[in-house]
Amino acid sequence: MNSSYCMVITTAPDRKVAEKLAESILNNKLAACIQMADIRSFFLWEGSLLKEDEVALYIKTTEARYSDLEAYLAEYHPYDVPEIIKLPVTAGLPSYLDWLDSTTGPFSSGSSPCC
């Protein structure tokens, strides 16, 4: 099945940065909903094992807005190499998916870039 919707996962170093990213993503209509959760990440970076507190963002959007969202995160995310993972949404409540369509859209002139 080819999906018109996806969820994008990224992480931020703290709640303040996560909220700023979320607000700017929503203001720019790149997504319809973003959920956040405090997490503990273990990862290898430049040859070292790191253990960091982070905030995960679960971003619900459309396939049509994904490339703009990815470009936006690449430009405004504070990490050199931000986690940007896209998961397809294979099914969902039709009225919720309709809401995703109606909430996301082209960049509007009243919106502003992040950070």
Protein backbone atom coordinates (compact mmCIF):
# COMPACT_ATOMS: atom_id res chain seq x y z
CA MET A 1 0.00 0.00 0.00
CA ASN A 2 1.28 3.45 -0.89
CA SER A 3 0.57 5.84 1.99
CA SER A 4 -0.13 9.55 1.76
CA TYR A 5 0.79 10.06 5.42
CA CYS A 6 3.85 9.57 7.58
CA MET A 7 5.25 10.10 11.04
CA VAL A 8 8.69 11.65 11.37
CA ILE A 9 10.84 11.07 14.43
CA THR A 10 13.55 13.45 15.54
CA THR A 11 15.21 14.29 18.85
CA ALA A 12 16.18 17.56 20.49
CA PRO A 13 18.70 18.25 23.25
CA ASP A 14 16.11 19.69 25.68
CA ARG A 15 12.47 20.70 26.11
CA LYS A 16 13.04 24.35 25.18
CA VAL A 17 14.60 23.47 21.82
CA ALA A 18 11.97 20.78 21.19
CA GLU A 19 9.11 23.18 21.83
CA LYS A 20 10.66 25.87 19.63
CA LEU A 21 11.07 23.36 16.78
CA ALA A 22 7.52 22.05 17.26
CA GLU A 23 5.97 25.51 17.24
CA SER A 24 7.86 26.58 14.13
CA ILE A 25 7.04 23.33 12.30
CA LEU A 26 3.35 23.80 13.07
CA ASN A 27 3.36 27.52 12.25
CA ASN A 28 4.87 26.69 8.88
CA LYS A 29 2.19 24.01 8.25
CA LEU A 30 4.81 21.29 7.84
CA ALA A 31 2.85 19.00 10.18
CA ALA A 32 -0.51 18.78 11.90
CA CYS A 33 0.50 17.35 15.28
CA ILE A 34 3.69 16.83 17.26
CA GLN A 35 4.01 14.80 20.43
CA MET A 36 7.04 14.94 22.73
CA ALA A 37 8.53 12.54 25.23
CA ASP A 38 11.57 12.78 27.48
CA ILE A 39 13.99 9.97 26.65
CA ARG A 40 17.50 8.74 27.44
CA SER A 41 19.56 8.08 24.31
CA PHE A 42 22.63 5.88 24.03
CA PHE A 43 24.55 6.31 20.76
CA LEU A 44 27.97 6.21 19.15
CA TRP A 45 29.26 9.59 17.99
CA GLU A 46 32.75 10.26 16.66
CA GLY A 47 34.07 7.04 18.19
CA SER A 48 32.61 7.55 21.67
CA LEU A 49 29.62 6.02 23.43
CA LEU A 50 27.38 8.87 24.57
CA LYS A 51 24.47 8.81 27.00
CA GLU A 52 22.26 11.88 26.77
CA ASP A 53 18.88 13.06 27.98
CA GLU A 54 16.86 14.18 24.97
CA VAL A 55 13.31 14.93 23.91
CA ALA A 56 11.79 12.80 21.15
CA LEU A 57 9.41 14.50 18.72
CA TYR A 58 6.81 12.40 16.91
CA ILE A 59 5.68 14.53 13.98
CA LYS A 60 2.53 13.62 12.04
CA THR A 61 2.42 14.93 8.50
CA THR A 62 1.65 14.12 4.89
CA GLU A 63 3.95 12.65 2.27
CA ALA A 64 3.42 15.86 0.32
CA ARG A 65 5.00 17.92 3.13
CA TYR A 66 7.78 15.47 4.07
CA SER A 67 10.55 16.86 1.85
CA ASP A 68 9.88 20.41 3.11
CA LEU A 69 9.85 19.15 6.71
CA GLU A 70 13.12 17.29 6.20
CA ALA A 71 14.76 20.37 4.67
CA TYR A 72 13.42 22.54 7.49
CA LEU A 73 14.79 20.22 10.17
CA ALA A 74 18.14 19.96 8.39
CA GLU A 75 18.42 23.76 8.36
CA TYR A 76 17.10 24.70 11.82
CA HIS A 77 17.91 21.69 13.99
CA PRO A 78 20.78 22.38 16.42
CA TYR A 79 22.50 18.99 15.86
CA ASP A 80 25.15 18.63 13.15
CA VAL A 81 23.44 15.42 12.03
CA PRO A 82 19.86 15.38 13.34
CA GLU A 83 17.87 12.19 13.53
CA ILE A 84 15.21 12.42 10.84
CA ILE A 85 13.39 9.12 10.37
CA LYS A 86 10.21 8.77 8.32
CA LEU A 87 7.72 6.00 9.07
CA PRO A 88 4.78 5.37 6.74
CA VAL A 89 1.27 5.51 8.15
CA THR A 90 -0.45 2.51 6.59
CA ALA A 91 -3.90 3.10 8.09
CA GLY A 92 -5.75 5.53 10.31
CA LEU A 93 -9.13 6.91 11.24
CA PRO A 94 -10.34 8.58 8.02
CA SER A 95 -11.45 11.75 9.82
CA TYR A 96 -8.00 12.05 11.47
CA LEU A 97 -6.26 11.62 8.12
CA ASP A 98 -8.60 14.23 6.60
CA TRP A 99 -7.55 16.57 9.43
CA LEU A 100 -3.87 15.94 8.58
CA ASP A 101 -4.61 16.96 4.99
CA SER A 102 -6.52 20.08 5.94
CA THR A 103 -4.00 21.23 8.56
CA THR A 104 -0.82 20.88 6.52
CA GLY A 105 -0.26 23.06 3.52
CA PRO A 106 2.06 25.42 1.76
CA PHE A 107 4.20 27.86 3.72
CA SER A 108 2.13 30.92 4.52
CA SER A 109 3.44 34.47 4.46
CA GLY A 110 2.40 34.96 8.11
CA SER A 111 4.69 32.16 9.27
CA SER A 112 8.29 32.62 10.21
CA PRO A 113 11.40 30.44 10.24
CA CYS A 114 12.57 28.82 13.42
CA CYS A 115 15.13 29.96 15.88
